[in-house]
Amino acid sequence: MAVPVLLELSLLAVVATAGVWKGSDILERAAEHLSVHYGLPPAVKGAVVVAIGSSFPELASVVISTLQYGSFDLGVGAIVGSAIFNVLVIPSLSGIFTSGHVDSDRTVVYKEAQFYMLAVSVVVITFALAVIYAPVDGGLRGRMDRTLAFIPVALYGLYVFIQYQDTLEYRTTEEGIDGSVLVQWGWLAASLVIIVLAVELLVHAAVGFGDLFGTPPFLWGLTVIAASTSLPDTLVSVRAARAGEGVTSMANVFGSNTFDLLVALPVGVLLAGTAVIDFAIAVPMLGVLTLATVLLFTLLRTDLSLTDAEAYVLLGAYVAFVVWLGLETLGVTTLVPGV
C-alpha cells in the first residue's frame, strides 16, 4: 500500500469535509433567515428549507460522481449511507447532547416519517423496474433512464404540495430578518459554490480510496462521502434540539432523507441520461435503511419523544452497521454481493 498516497487522500478528505461544513453552515443560516422572512411553520422549515439546504452536499456528490467520474454507484452509496447516518446518528447525538429528551409531535411521526418510508419503497421499485426492463449483462444490474428517474422526482412534487398546504393556515409570530432579503439570497448562492468545490474534492478522495484498496466505489460513498456530507445535517439538528426545537430537529432528519432519495439520487440520471444500478448491492443497503427507519419510528412513537437511553440504542445500531460493513469488506460475511 502506498502510504504517501493514503496520507494525501486522507488529508484531502479532511479539507473537503471542512469545506462542506463551512459552506453548509452559511447555507443553513441563510435558509433559516429566509424561512422566518417568508413565515414558514417549523415542520415545513425543517422538512423542506433546512433539509434541502443541509442535503445540498449529497446532491452535489451525486452530480459530480456521475458526470465527472462516471460512477453513479458512488453517488448511490453516498445517498444511502448518508440516509442511514441521518436516521441513526443524528437523532442519537441530538438526544445525547440535549439535557432531558428530544420532543417530537404527531406531524413528524405520522407525516414525515411515513412519507419518508414511502420514499424508500418508491426508490426500490424504481431500481427494480430498471433491472426488469433494462437489464445489463444478464445479472441484477439495470439501466436507469430519465423516464424512471422522473418517478421519485414526481413523488417529491407531491411531498412539496403537502407541505405547501400546511403553510396556508400557519401564522408566524417571529420577527423578520435584519437587512435585505437579497443579501441572504446572495449568501445562499455563495454557499452553494463553496459546497460544490468541497464535494468535488471529497469525491476525488473517495475514488482514490477505492483505487488504492481495490474496493467498489459504492463502499466509499457509503462511508467517507456519507459521513462527511451528513455533518451539516448533524450540526443543524443538534443545534435545533439544544434550542428546544425538537420538531425542527426530527423533521430535518426525515426531510433531508426524503430529498436525498427522491431528488438528489435521480438528479444524476436526469443529467447524465442513463446510469447502471447494481440491484444486488443497493437493495440490501436500502433494506438496512428501512430497518433503521422502523427503529427510529418506534422509539419516537413512545411518548412522542426520544430519551437518553433510546438515543444510545440508535447510536449502538449505527456502530453495529459499521462493524458489519467492515466484515463484508474483509469477506467474513457475504450478505451483499460485490462488497
C-alpha atoms as a PDB file:
ATOM      1  CA  MET A   1       0.000   0.000   0.000  1.00  0.00           C
ATOM      2  CA  ALA A   2       1.337   3.442  -0.917  1.00  0.00           C
ATOM      3  CA  VAL A   3       1.417   5.219   2.443  1.00  0.00           C
ATOM      4  CA  PRO A   4       2.099   8.713   0.980  1.00  0.00           C
ATOM      5  CA  VAL A   5      -0.927   8.340  -1.307  1.00  0.00           C
ATOM      6  CA  LEU A   6      -3.076   7.234   1.630  1.00  0.00           C
ATOM      7  CA  LEU A   7      -1.988  10.247   3.689  1.00  0.00           C
ATOM      8  CA  GLU A   8      -2.618  12.582   0.772  1.00  0.00           C
ATOM      9  CA  LEU A   9      -6.126  11.212   0.196  1.00  0.00           C
ATOM     10  CA  SER A  10      -6.900  11.349   3.928  1.00  0.00           C
ATOM     11  CA  LEU A  11      -5.779  14.987   4.132  1.00  0.00           C
ATOM     12  CA  LEU A  12      -7.841  15.791   1.050  1.00  0.00           C
ATOM     13  CA  ALA A  13     -10.920  14.199   2.640  1.00  0.00           C
ATOM     14  CA  VAL A  14     -10.428  16.219   5.853  1.00  0.00           C
ATOM     15  CA  VAL A  15     -10.018  19.513   3.974  1.00  0.00           C
ATOM     16  CA  ALA A  16     -13.048  18.742   1.796  1.00  0.00           C
ATOM     17  CA  THR A  17     -15.144  17.895   4.863  1.00  0.00           C
ATOM     18  CA  ALA A  18     -14.191  21.226   6.432  1.00  0.00           C
ATOM     19  CA  GLY A  19     -15.234  22.980   3.229  1.00  0.00           C
ATOM     20  CA  VAL A  20     -18.567  21.145   3.195  1.00  0.00           C
ATOM     21  CA  TRP A  21     -19.155  22.118   6.815  1.00  0.00           C
ATOM     22  CA  LYS A  22     -18.359  25.800   6.276  1.00  0.00           C
ATOM     23  CA  GLY A  23     -20.404  26.110   3.098  1.00  0.00           C
ATOM     24  CA  SER A  24     -23.339  24.290   4.648  1.00  0.00           C
ATOM     25  CA  ASP A  25     -23.194  26.454   7.754  1.00  0.00           C
ATOM     26  CA  ILE A  26     -23.522  29.592   5.609  1.00  0.00           C
ATOM     27  CA  LEU A  27     -26.294  27.988   3.570  1.00  0.00           C
ATOM     28  CA  GLU A  28     -28.309  26.901   6.589  1.00  0.00           C
ATOM     29  CA  ARG A  29     -28.111  30.302   8.280  1.00  0.00           C
ATOM     30  CA  ALA A  30     -29.335  31.997   5.119  1.00  0.00           C
ATOM     31  CA  ALA A  31     -32.097  29.404   4.746  1.00  0.00           C
ATOM     32  CA  GLU A  32     -33.117  29.950   8.374  1.00  0.00           C
ATOM     33  CA  HIS A  33     -33.416  33.716   7.886  1.00  0.00           C
ATOM     34  CA  LEU A  34     -35.388  33.272   4.682  1.00  0.00           C
ATOM     35  CA  SER A  35     -37.744  30.780   6.368  1.00  0.00           C
ATOM     36  CA  VAL A  36     -38.551  33.355   9.050  1.00  0.00           C
ATOM     37  CA  HIS A  37     -38.966  36.066   6.458  1.00  0.00           C
ATOM     38  CA  TYR A  38     -41.469  34.021   4.433  1.00  0.00           C
ATOM     39  CA  GLY A  39     -43.330  32.827   7.545  1.00  0.00           C
ATOM     40  CA  LEU A  40     -42.903  29.049   7.224  1.00  0.00           C
ATOM     41  CA  PRO A  41     -44.121  26.736  10.046  1.00  0.00           C
ATOM     42  CA  PRO A  42     -41.471  24.742  11.994  1.00  0.00           C
ATOM     43  CA  ALA A  43     -42.248  21.368  10.400  1.00  0.00           C
ATOM     44  CA  VAL A  44     -42.093  22.811   6.877  1.00  0.00           C
ATOM     45  CA  LYS A  45     -38.956  24.793   7.718  1.00  0.00           C
ATOM     46  CA  GLY A  46     -37.221  21.648   8.973  1.00  0.00           C
ATOM     47  CA  ALA A  47     -38.558  19.247   6.350  1.00  0.00           C
ATOM     48  CA  VAL A  48     -38.118  21.404   3.236  1.00  0.00           C
ATOM     49  CA  VAL A  49     -35.990  24.549   3.548  1.00  0.00           C
ATOM     50  CA  VAL A  50     -33.417  23.424   6.131  1.00  0.00           C
ATOM     51  CA  ALA A  51     -33.498  19.845   4.812  1.00  0.00           C
ATOM     52  CA  ILE A  52     -32.770  20.868   1.227  1.00  0.00           C
ATOM     53  CA  GLY A  53     -30.068  23.243   2.393  1.00  0.00           C
ATOM     54  CA  SER A  54     -28.280  20.654   4.505  1.00  0.00           C
ATOM     55  CA  SER A  55     -28.757  17.988   1.788  1.00  0.00           C
ATOM     56  CA  PHE A  56     -27.105  20.008  -0.964  1.00  0.00           C
ATOM     57  CA  PRO A  57     -23.722  18.272  -0.357  1.00  0.00           C
ATOM     58  CA  GLU A  58     -25.357  14.897  -1.112  1.00  0.00           C
ATOM     59  CA  LEU A  59     -26.923  16.339  -4.256  1.00  0.00           C
ATOM     60  CA  ALA A  60     -23.551  17.684  -5.354  1.00  0.00           C
ATOM     61  CA  SER A  61     -21.882  14.327  -4.669  1.00  0.00           C
ATOM     62  CA  VAL A  62     -24.318  12.506  -6.972  1.00  0.00           C
ATOM     63  CA  VAL A  63     -23.934  15.042  -9.773  1.00  0.00           C
ATOM     64  CA  ILE A  64     -20.122  15.159  -9.580  1.00  0.00           C
ATOM     65  CA  SER A  65     -19.588  11.402  -9.206  1.00  0.00           C
ATOM     66  CA  THR A  66     -21.917  10.689 -12.143  1.00  0.00           C
ATOM     67  CA  LEU A  67     -20.885  13.401 -14.603  1.00  0.00           C
ATOM     68  CA  GLN A  68     -17.199  13.802 -13.795  1.00  0.00           C
ATOM     69  CA  TYR A  69     -16.228  10.275 -12.733  1.00  0.00           C
ATOM     70  CA  GLY A  70     -18.921   8.191 -14.432  1.00  0.00           C
ATOM     71  CA  SER A  71     -19.616   6.392 -11.144  1.00  0.00           C
ATOM     72  CA  PHE A  72     -23.301   6.515 -10.280  1.00  0.00           C
ATOM     73  CA  ASP A  73     -22.720   3.742  -7.705  1.00  0.00           C
ATOM     74  CA  LEU A  74     -20.555   6.158  -5.729  1.00  0.00           C
ATOM     75  CA  GLY A  75     -23.426   8.652  -5.615  1.00  0.00           C
ATOM     76  CA  VAL A  76     -25.930   5.951  -4.636  1.00  0.00           C
ATOM     77  CA  GLY A  77     -23.627   4.839  -1.832  1.00  0.00           C
ATOM     78  CA  ALA A  78     -23.309   8.423  -0.594  1.00  0.00           C
ATOM     79  CA  ILE A  79     -27.085   8.883  -0.549  1.00  0.00           C
ATOM     80  CA  VAL A  80     -27.921   5.586   1.166  1.00  0.00           C
ATOM     81  CA  GLY A  81     -25.038   5.871   3.636  1.00  0.00           C
ATOM     82  CA  SER A  82     -25.992   9.449   4.464  1.00  0.00           C
ATOM     83  CA  ALA A  83     -29.620   8.418   4.980  1.00  0.00           C
ATOM     84  CA  ILE A  84     -28.599   5.636   7.400  1.00  0.00           C
ATOM     85  CA  PHE A  85     -26.299   8.064   9.227  1.00  0.00           C
ATOM     86  CA  ASN A  86     -29.088  10.649   9.427  1.00  0.00           C
ATOM     87  CA  VAL A  87     -31.632   8.194  10.829  1.00  0.00           C
ATOM     88  CA  LEU A  88     -29.389   6.605  13.452  1.00  0.00           C
ATOM     89  CA  VAL A  89     -26.627   9.047  14.398  1.00  0.00           C
ATOM     90  CA  ILE A  90     -28.255  12.475  14.146  1.00  0.00           C
ATOM     91  CA  PRO A  91     -31.232  11.731  16.455  1.00  0.00           C
ATOM     92  CA  SER A  92     -28.912   9.919  18.872  1.00  0.00           C
ATOM     93  CA  LEU A  93     -26.486  12.850  19.109  1.00  0.00           C
ATOM     94  CA  SER A  94     -29.410  15.279  19.383  1.00  0.00           C
ATOM     95  CA  GLY A  95     -30.643  13.284  22.373  1.00  0.00           C
ATOM     96  CA  ILE A  96     -27.224  12.791  23.967  1.00  0.00           C
ATOM     97  CA  PHE A  97     -26.222  16.470  23.758  1.00  0.00           C
ATOM     98  CA  THR A  98     -29.621  17.701  24.913  1.00  0.00           C
ATOM     99  CA  SER A  99     -30.488  17.617  28.594  1.00  0.00           C
ATOM    100  CA  GLY A 100     -33.642  15.590  29.158  1.00  0.00           C
ATOM    101  CA  HIS A 101     -35.125  14.388  25.877  1.00  0.00           C
ATOM    102  CA  VAL A 102     -35.886  15.499  22.331  1.00  0.00           C
ATOM    103  CA  ASP A 103     -39.564  16.217  21.805  1.00  0.00           C
ATOM    104  CA  SER A 104     -41.378  15.297  18.632  1.00  0.00           C
ATOM    105  CA  ASP A 105     -45.028  15.549  17.563  1.00  0.00           C
ATOM    106  CA  ARG A 106     -47.594  13.701  15.510  1.00  0.00           C
ATOM    107  CA  THR A 107     -46.758  15.707  12.390  1.00  0.00           C
ATOM    108  CA  VAL A 108     -43.223  14.331  12.382  1.00  0.00           C
ATOM    109  CA  VAL A 109     -44.171  10.778  13.379  1.00  0.00           C
ATOM    110  CA  TYR A 110     -47.225  10.303  11.191  1.00  0.00           C
ATOM    111  CA  LYS A 111     -46.460  12.528   8.203  1.00  0.00           C
ATOM    112  CA  GLU A 112     -42.705  12.983   7.825  1.00  0.00           C
ATOM    113  CA  ALA A 113     -41.601   9.507   8.911  1.00  0.00           C
ATOM    114  CA  GLN A 114     -44.259   7.634   6.992  1.00  0.00           C
ATOM    115  CA  PHE A 115     -43.819   9.665   3.810  1.00  0.00           C
ATOM    116  CA  TYR A 116     -40.106   9.025   4.072  1.00  0.00           C
ATOM    117  CA  MET A 117     -40.710   5.256   4.295  1.00  0.00           C
ATOM    118  CA  LEU A 118     -42.862   5.617   1.169  1.00  0.00           C
ATOM    119  CA  ALA A 119     -39.884   7.318  -0.493  1.00  0.00           C
ATOM    120  CA  VAL A 120     -37.657   4.321   0.292  1.00  0.00           C
ATOM    121  CA  SER A 121     -40.234   1.977  -1.234  1.00  0.00           C
ATOM    122  CA  VAL A 122     -40.504   4.073  -4.410  1.00  0.00           C
ATOM    123  CA  VAL A 123     -36.712   4.058  -4.863  1.00  0.00           C
ATOM    124  CA  VAL A 124     -36.609   0.259  -4.513  1.00  0.00           C
ATOM    125  CA  ILE A 125     -39.447  -0.087  -7.043  1.00  0.00           C
ATOM    126  CA  THR A 126     -37.684   2.283  -9.463  1.00  0.00           C
ATOM    127  CA  PHE A 127     -34.449   0.266  -9.219  1.00  0.00           C
ATOM    128  CA  ALA A 128     -36.424  -2.948  -9.735  1.00  0.00           C
ATOM    129  CA  LEU A 129     -38.067  -1.552 -12.874  1.00  0.00           C
ATOM    130  CA  ALA A 130     -34.608  -0.730 -14.247  1.00  0.00           C
ATOM    131  CA  VAL A 131     -33.453  -4.320 -13.695  1.00  0.00           C
ATOM    132  CA  ILE A 132     -36.643  -5.820 -15.159  1.00  0.00           C
ATOM    133  CA  TYR A 133     -36.995  -3.683 -18.277  1.00  0.00           C
ATOM    134  CA  ALA A 134     -33.369  -2.697 -18.998  1.00  0.00           C
ATOM    135  CA  PRO A 135     -31.108  -5.475 -17.648  1.00  0.00           C
ATOM    136  CA  VAL A 136     -27.346  -5.200 -18.059  1.00  0.00           C
ATOM    137  CA  ASP A 137     -25.098  -8.263 -18.527  1.00  0.00           C
ATOM    138  CA  GLY A 138     -27.987 -10.572 -17.647  1.00  0.00           C
ATOM    139  CA  GLY A 139     -27.464 -10.125 -13.895  1.00  0.00           C
ATOM    140  CA  LEU A 140     -29.022  -7.998 -11.170  1.00  0.00           C
ATOM    141  CA  ARG A 141     -27.918  -4.816 -12.881  1.00  0.00           C
ATOM    142  CA  GLY A 142     -30.236  -2.489 -14.743  1.00  0.00           C
ATOM    143  CA  ARG A 143     -30.011   0.717 -16.727  1.00  0.00           C
ATOM    144  CA  MET A 144     -31.983   3.586 -15.221  1.00  0.00           C
ATOM    145  CA  ASP A 145     -33.035   6.286 -17.704  1.00  0.00           C
ATOM    146  CA  ARG A 146     -34.652   9.685 -17.366  1.00  0.00           C
ATOM    147  CA  THR A 147     -38.173   8.241 -17.553  1.00  0.00           C
ATOM    148  CA  LEU A 148     -37.595   6.052 -14.490  1.00  0.00           C
ATOM    149  CA  ALA A 149     -35.699   8.835 -12.715  1.00  0.00           C
ATOM    150  CA  PHE A 150     -38.737  11.065 -13.025  1.00  0.00           C
ATOM    151  CA  ILE A 151     -40.831   8.693 -10.844  1.00  0.00           C
ATOM    152  CA  PRO A 152     -39.193   9.639  -7.489  1.00  0.00           C
ATOM    153  CA  VAL A 153     -38.971  13.301  -8.539  1.00  0.00           C
ATOM    154  CA  ALA A 154     -42.737  13.323  -9.173  1.00  0.00           C
ATOM    155  CA  LEU A 155     -43.334  11.891  -5.698  1.00  0.00           C
ATOM    156  CA  TYR A 156     -41.244  14.709  -4.219  1.00  0.00           C
ATOM    157  CA  GLY A 157     -43.515  17.130  -6.049  1.00  0.00           C
ATOM    158  CA  LEU A 158     -46.407  15.615  -4.095  1.00  0.00           C
ATOM    159  CA  TYR A 159     -44.401  15.983  -0.892  1.00  0.00           C
ATOM    160  CA  VAL A 160     -43.804  19.694  -1.535  1.00  0.00           C
ATOM    161  CA  PHE A 161     -47.505  20.167  -2.337  1.00  0.00           C
ATOM    162  CA  ILE A 162     -48.459  18.592   1.015  1.00  0.00           C
ATOM    163  CA  GLN A 163     -46.004  20.859   2.818  1.00  0.00           C
ATOM    164  CA  TYR A 164     -47.369  23.878   0.964  1.00  0.00           C
ATOM    165  CA  GLN A 165     -50.863  23.111   2.245  1.00  0.00           C
ATOM    166  CA  ASP A 166     -49.507  23.293   5.792  1.00  0.00           C
ATOM    167  CA  THR A 167     -48.217  26.823   5.202  1.00  0.00           C
ATOM    168  CA  LEU A 168     -51.630  28.178   4.204  1.00  0.00           C
ATOM    169  CA  GLU A 169     -53.044  28.094   7.738  1.00  0.00           C
ATOM    170  CA  TYR A 170     -49.845  28.985   9.587  1.00  0.00           C
ATOM    171  CA  ARG A 171     -49.294  32.436  11.083  1.00  0.00           C
ATOM    172  CA  THR A 172     -45.804  33.216  12.332  1.00  0.00           C
ATOM    173  CA  THR A 173     -45.054  35.292  15.431  1.00  0.00           C
ATOM    174  CA  GLU A 174     -41.321  35.574  14.701  1.00  0.00           C
ATOM    175  CA  GLU A 175     -39.758  38.830  13.633  1.00  0.00           C
ATOM    176  CA  GLY A 176     -38.397  39.249  10.139  1.00  0.00           C
ATOM    177  CA  ILE A 177     -34.716  39.290   9.279  1.00  0.00           C
ATOM    178  CA  ASP A 178     -32.471  42.298   9.657  1.00  0.00           C
ATOM    179  CA  GLY A 179     -31.172  43.731   6.410  1.00  0.00           C
ATOM    180  CA  SER A 180     -32.005  42.973   2.809  1.00  0.00           C
ATOM    181  CA  VAL A 181     -33.554  39.702   1.736  1.00  0.00           C
ATOM    182  CA  LEU A 182     -31.375  39.882  -1.361  1.00  0.00           C
ATOM    183  CA  VAL A 183     -28.288  39.747   0.860  1.00  0.00           C
ATOM    184  CA  GLN A 184     -29.487  36.436   2.317  1.00  0.00           C
ATOM    185  CA  TRP A 185     -30.122  35.072  -1.177  1.00  0.00           C
ATOM    186  CA  GLY A 186     -26.581  36.195  -2.055  1.00  0.00           C
ATOM    187  CA  TRP A 187     -25.119  34.273   0.894  1.00  0.00           C
ATOM    188  CA  LEU A 188     -27.191  31.288  -0.185  1.00  0.00           C
ATOM    189  CA  ALA A 189     -25.706  31.369  -3.696  1.00  0.00           C
ATOM    190  CA  ALA A 190     -22.144  31.778  -2.376  1.00  0.00           C
ATOM    191  CA  SER A 191     -22.558  28.815  -0.059  1.00  0.00           C
ATOM    192  CA  LEU A 192     -23.619  26.583  -2.951  1.00  0.00           C
ATOM    193  CA  VAL A 193     -20.385  27.393  -4.800  1.00  0.00           C
ATOM    194  CA  ILE A 194     -18.288  26.538  -1.729  1.00  0.00           C
ATOM    195  CA  ILE A 195     -20.116  23.240  -1.248  1.00  0.00           C
ATOM    196  CA  VAL A 196     -19.726  22.166  -4.881  1.00  0.00           C
ATOM    197  CA  LEU A 197     -15.967  22.798  -4.803  1.00  0.00           C
ATOM    198  CA  ALA A 198     -15.568  20.947  -1.489  1.00  0.00           C
ATOM    199  CA  VAL A 199     -17.657  17.962  -2.596  1.00  0.00           C
ATOM    200  CA  GLU A 200     -15.615  17.675  -5.804  1.00  0.00           C
ATOM    201  CA  LEU A 201     -12.506  17.207  -3.649  1.00  0.00           C
ATOM    202  CA  LEU A 202     -14.365  14.740  -1.446  1.00  0.00           C
ATOM    203  CA  VAL A 203     -15.490  12.612  -4.398  1.00  0.00           C
ATOM    204  CA  HIS A 204     -11.951  12.673  -5.776  1.00  0.00           C
ATOM    205  CA  ALA A 205     -10.675  11.356  -2.435  1.00  0.00           C
ATOM    206  CA  ALA A 206     -13.327   8.612  -2.338  1.00  0.00           C
ATOM    207  CA  VAL A 207     -12.452   7.473  -5.874  1.00  0.00           C
ATOM    208  CA  GLY A 208      -8.788   7.451  -4.854  1.00  0.00           C
ATOM    209  CA  PHE A 209      -9.521   5.300  -1.795  1.00  0.00           C
ATOM    210  CA  GLY A 210     -11.407   2.836  -3.991  1.00  0.00           C
ATOM    211  CA  ASP A 211      -8.499   2.551  -6.443  1.00  0.00           C
ATOM    212  CA  LEU A 212      -5.943   2.271  -3.641  1.00  0.00           C
ATOM    213  CA  PHE A 213      -7.728  -0.514  -1.748  1.00  0.00           C
ATOM    214  CA  GLY A 214      -9.287  -2.211  -4.775  1.00  0.00           C
ATOM    215  CA  THR A 215     -12.806  -1.857  -3.376  1.00  0.00           C
ATOM    216  CA  PRO A 216     -16.048  -0.831  -5.149  1.00  0.00           C
ATOM    217  CA  PRO A 217     -16.934   2.897  -5.241  1.00  0.00           C
ATOM    218  CA  PHE A 218     -20.277   2.175  -3.549  1.00  0.00           C
ATOM    219  CA  LEU A 219     -18.467   1.287  -0.307  1.00  0.00           C
ATOM    220  CA  TRP A 220     -16.602   4.594  -0.107  1.00  0.00           C
ATOM    221  CA  GLY A 221     -19.706   6.534  -0.964  1.00  0.00           C
ATOM    222  CA  LEU A 222     -21.469   4.637   1.825  1.00  0.00           C
ATOM    223  CA  THR A 223     -18.831   5.625   4.393  1.00  0.00           C
ATOM    224  CA  VAL A 224     -16.455   8.506   3.598  1.00  0.00           C
ATOM    225  CA  ILE A 225     -18.752  10.702   1.490  1.00  0.00           C
ATOM    226  CA  ALA A 226     -21.857   9.810   3.513  1.00  0.00           C
ATOM    227  CA  ALA A 227     -20.351  10.774   6.874  1.00  0.00           C
ATOM    228  CA  SER A 228     -18.741  13.936   5.524  1.00  0.00           C
ATOM    229  CA  THR A 229     -21.851  15.219   3.745  1.00  0.00           C
ATOM    230  CA  SER A 230     -24.027  14.375   6.763  1.00  0.00           C
ATOM    231  CA  LEU A 231     -22.041  16.666   9.049  1.00  0.00           C
ATOM    232  CA  PRO A 232     -24.197  19.725   8.188  1.00  0.00           C
ATOM    233  CA  ASP A 233     -27.401  17.798   8.967  1.00  0.00           C
ATOM    234  CA  THR A 234     -25.887  16.728  12.285  1.00  0.00           C
ATOM    235  CA  LEU A 235     -24.969  20.264  13.338  1.00  0.00           C
ATOM    236  CA  VAL A 236     -28.365  21.650  12.304  1.00  0.00           C
ATOM    237  CA  SER A 237     -30.377  19.005  14.153  1.00  0.00           C
ATOM    238  CA  VAL A 238     -28.259  19.060  17.321  1.00  0.00           C
ATOM    239  CA  ARG A 239     -28.399  22.869  17.402  1.00  0.00           C
ATOM    240  CA  ALA A 240     -32.175  22.803  16.953  1.00  0.00           C
ATOM    241  CA  ALA A 241     -32.620  20.155  19.657  1.00  0.00           C
ATOM    242  CA  ARG A 242     -30.495  22.099  22.141  1.00  0.00           C
ATOM    243  CA  ALA A 243     -32.597  25.191  21.421  1.00  0.00           C
ATOM    244  CA  GLY A 244     -35.729  23.234  22.352  1.00  0.00           C
ATOM    245  CA  GLU A 245     -36.865  22.866  18.736  1.00  0.00           C
ATOM    246  CA  GLY A 246     -37.201  19.084  18.718  1.00  0.00           C
ATOM    247  CA  VAL A 247     -39.802  19.139  15.946  1.00  0.00           C
ATOM    248  CA  THR A 248     -37.475  21.021  13.591  1.00  0.00           C
ATOM    249  CA  SER A 249     -34.606  18.697  14.540  1.00  0.00           C
ATOM    250  CA  MET A 250     -36.518  15.492  13.762  1.00  0.00           C
ATOM    251  CA  ALA A 251     -38.260  16.951  10.699  1.00  0.00           C
ATOM    252  CA  ASN A 252     -34.837  17.857   9.293  1.00  0.00           C
ATOM    253  CA  VAL A 253     -33.757  14.207   9.539  1.00  0.00           C
ATOM    254  CA  PHE A 254     -36.740  12.841   7.624  1.00  0.00           C
ATOM    255  CA  GLY A 255     -36.935  15.796   5.253  1.00  0.00           C
ATOM    256  CA  SER A 256     -33.241  15.508   4.351  1.00  0.00           C
ATOM    257  CA  ASN A 257     -33.559  11.801   3.633  1.00  0.00           C
ATOM    258  CA  THR A 258     -36.725  12.324   1.590  1.00  0.00           C
ATOM    259  CA  PHE A 259     -34.958  14.948  -0.527  1.00  0.00           C
ATOM    260  CA  ASP A 260     -31.851  12.759  -0.911  1.00  0.00           C
ATOM    261  CA  LEU A 261     -33.805   9.730  -2.112  1.00  0.00           C
ATOM    262  CA  LEU A 262     -36.402  11.443  -4.290  1.00  0.00           C
ATOM    263  CA  VAL A 263     -34.355  14.306  -5.745  1.00  0.00           C
ATOM    264  CA  ALA A 264     -30.590  14.008  -5.182  1.00  0.00           C
ATOM    265  CA  LEU A 265     -30.477  10.363  -6.263  1.00  0.00           C
ATOM    266  CA  PRO A 266     -32.322  10.704  -9.609  1.00  0.00           C
ATOM    267  CA  VAL A 267     -30.738  14.073 -10.492  1.00  0.00           C
ATOM    268  CA  GLY A 268     -27.555  12.303 -11.566  1.00  0.00           C
ATOM    269  CA  VAL A 269     -29.578  10.201 -14.002  1.00  0.00           C
ATOM    270  CA  LEU A 270     -31.545  13.193 -15.270  1.00  0.00           C
ATOM    271  CA  LEU A 271     -28.289  14.997 -16.077  1.00  0.00           C
ATOM    272  CA  ALA A 272     -26.322  12.046 -17.450  1.00  0.00           C
ATOM    273  CA  GLY A 273     -29.216  10.457 -19.351  1.00  0.00           C
ATOM    274  CA  THR A 274     -28.682   6.922 -18.045  1.00  0.00           C
ATOM    275  CA  ALA A 275     -26.942   5.158 -15.161  1.00  0.00           C
ATOM    276  CA  VAL A 276     -26.413   1.494 -14.273  1.00  0.00           C
ATOM    277  CA  ILE A 277     -27.934   0.267 -10.991  1.00  0.00           C
ATOM    278  CA  ASP A 278     -26.425  -2.701  -9.138  1.00  0.00           C
ATOM    279  CA  PHE A 279     -29.589  -4.107  -7.550  1.00  0.00           C
ATOM    280  CA  ALA A 280     -27.667  -6.731  -5.550  1.00  0.00           C
ATOM    281  CA  ILE A 281     -25.764  -4.029  -3.654  1.00  0.00           C
ATOM    282  CA  ALA A 282     -28.260  -1.173  -3.491  1.00  0.00           C
ATOM    283  CA  VAL A 283     -31.320  -3.077  -2.263  1.00  0.00           C
ATOM    284  CA  PRO A 284     -29.722  -4.777   0.797  1.00  0.00           C
ATOM    285  CA  MET A 285     -28.488  -1.364   1.902  1.00  0.00           C
ATOM    286  CA  LEU A 286     -31.922   0.137   1.360  1.00  0.00           C
ATOM    287  CA  GLY A 287     -33.216  -2.748   3.476  1.00  0.00           C
ATOM    288  CA  VAL A 288     -30.854  -1.691   6.267  1.00  0.00           C
ATOM    289  CA  LEU A 289     -32.110   1.864   5.857  1.00  0.00           C
ATOM    290  CA  THR A 290     -35.709   0.642   6.189  1.00  0.00           C
ATOM    291  CA  LEU A 291     -34.899  -1.264   9.396  1.00  0.00           C
ATOM    292  CA  ALA A 292     -33.128   1.806  10.796  1.00  0.00           C
ATOM    293  CA  THR A 293     -36.150   3.963   9.969  1.00  0.00           C
ATOM    294  CA  VAL A 294     -38.538   1.498  11.622  1.00  0.00           C
ATOM    295  CA  LEU A 295     -36.345   1.549  14.739  1.00  0.00           C
ATOM    296  CA  LEU A 296     -36.379   5.359  14.914  1.00  0.00           C
ATOM    297  CA  PHE A 297     -40.103   5.479  14.167  1.00  0.00           C
ATOM    298  CA  THR A 298     -40.802   3.022  17.012  1.00  0.00           C
ATOM    299  CA  LEU A 299     -38.682   4.954  19.517  1.00  0.00           C
ATOM    300  CA  LEU A 300     -40.190   8.304  18.569  1.00  0.00           C
ATOM    301  CA  ARG A 301     -43.719   6.960  18.858  1.00  0.00           C
ATOM    302  CA  THR A 302     -43.245   6.172  22.560  1.00  0.00           C
ATOM    303  CA  ASP A 303     -44.410   9.374  24.285  1.00  0.00           C
ATOM    304  CA  LEU A 304     -43.553  11.297  21.074  1.00  0.00           C
ATOM    305  CA  SER A 305     -40.006  11.926  22.315  1.00  0.00           C
ATOM    306  CA  LEU A 306     -36.518  10.456  22.282  1.00  0.00           C
ATOM    307  CA  THR A 307     -34.947   9.726  25.682  1.00  0.00           C
ATOM    308  CA  ASP A 308     -31.244   9.384  26.501  1.00  0.00           C
ATOM    309  CA  ALA A 309     -31.481   5.588  26.644  1.00  0.00           C
ATOM    310  CA  GLU A 310     -33.214   5.471  23.257  1.00  0.00           C
ATOM    311  CA  ALA A 311     -30.545   7.779  21.819  1.00  0.00           C
ATOM    312  CA  TYR A 312     -27.838   5.314  22.823  1.00  0.00           C
ATOM    313  CA  VAL A 313     -29.817   2.468  21.252  1.00  0.00           C
ATOM    314  CA  LEU A 314     -29.725   4.319  17.916  1.00  0.00           C
ATOM    315  CA  LEU A 315     -26.007   5.025  18.237  1.00  0.00           C
ATOM    316  CA  GLY A 316     -25.338   1.374  19.042  1.00  0.00           C
ATOM    317  CA  ALA A 317     -27.290   0.339  15.949  1.00  0.00           C
ATOM    318  CA  TYR A 318     -25.057   2.534  13.753  1.00  0.00           C
ATOM    319  CA  VAL A 319     -21.892   1.115  15.321  1.00  0.00           C
ATOM    320  CA  ALA A 320     -23.223  -2.380  14.558  1.00  0.00           C
ATOM    321  CA  PHE A 321     -23.864  -1.301  10.954  1.00  0.00           C
ATOM    322  CA  VAL A 322     -20.279  -0.015  10.546  1.00  0.00           C
ATOM    323  CA  VAL A 323     -18.863  -3.214  12.059  1.00  0.00           C
ATOM    324  CA  TRP A 324     -20.971  -5.280   9.662  1.00  0.00           C
ATOM    325  CA  LEU A 325     -19.696  -3.221   6.707  1.00  0.00           C
ATOM    326  CA  GLY A 326     -16.157  -3.973   7.859  1.00  0.00           C
ATOM    327  CA  LEU A 327     -16.922  -7.692   7.986  1.00  0.00           C
ATOM    328  CA  GLU A 328     -18.413  -7.517   4.487  1.00  0.00           C
ATOM    329  CA  THR A 329     -15.307  -5.753   3.183  1.00  0.00           C
ATOM    330  CA  LEU A 330     -12.999  -8.348   4.753  1.00  0.00           C
ATOM    331  CA  GLY A 331     -15.091 -11.184   3.356  1.00  0.00           C
ATOM    332  CA  VAL A 332     -16.090 -12.537   6.779  1.00  0.00           C
ATOM    333  CA  THR A 333     -19.750 -12.127   5.806  1.00  0.00           C
ATOM    334  CA  THR A 334     -21.124 -12.171   2.253  1.00  0.00           C
ATOM    335  CA  LEU A 335     -24.655 -10.859   2.563  1.00  0.00           C
ATOM    336  CA  VAL A 336     -24.063  -8.126  -0.022  1.00  0.00           C
ATOM    337  CA  PRO A 337     -22.575  -9.433  -3.295  1.00  0.00           C
ATOM    338  CA  GLY A 338     -19.840  -7.256  -4.739  1.00  0.00           C
ATOM    339  CA  VAL A 339     -18.856  -5.520  -1.500  1.00  0.00           C
END
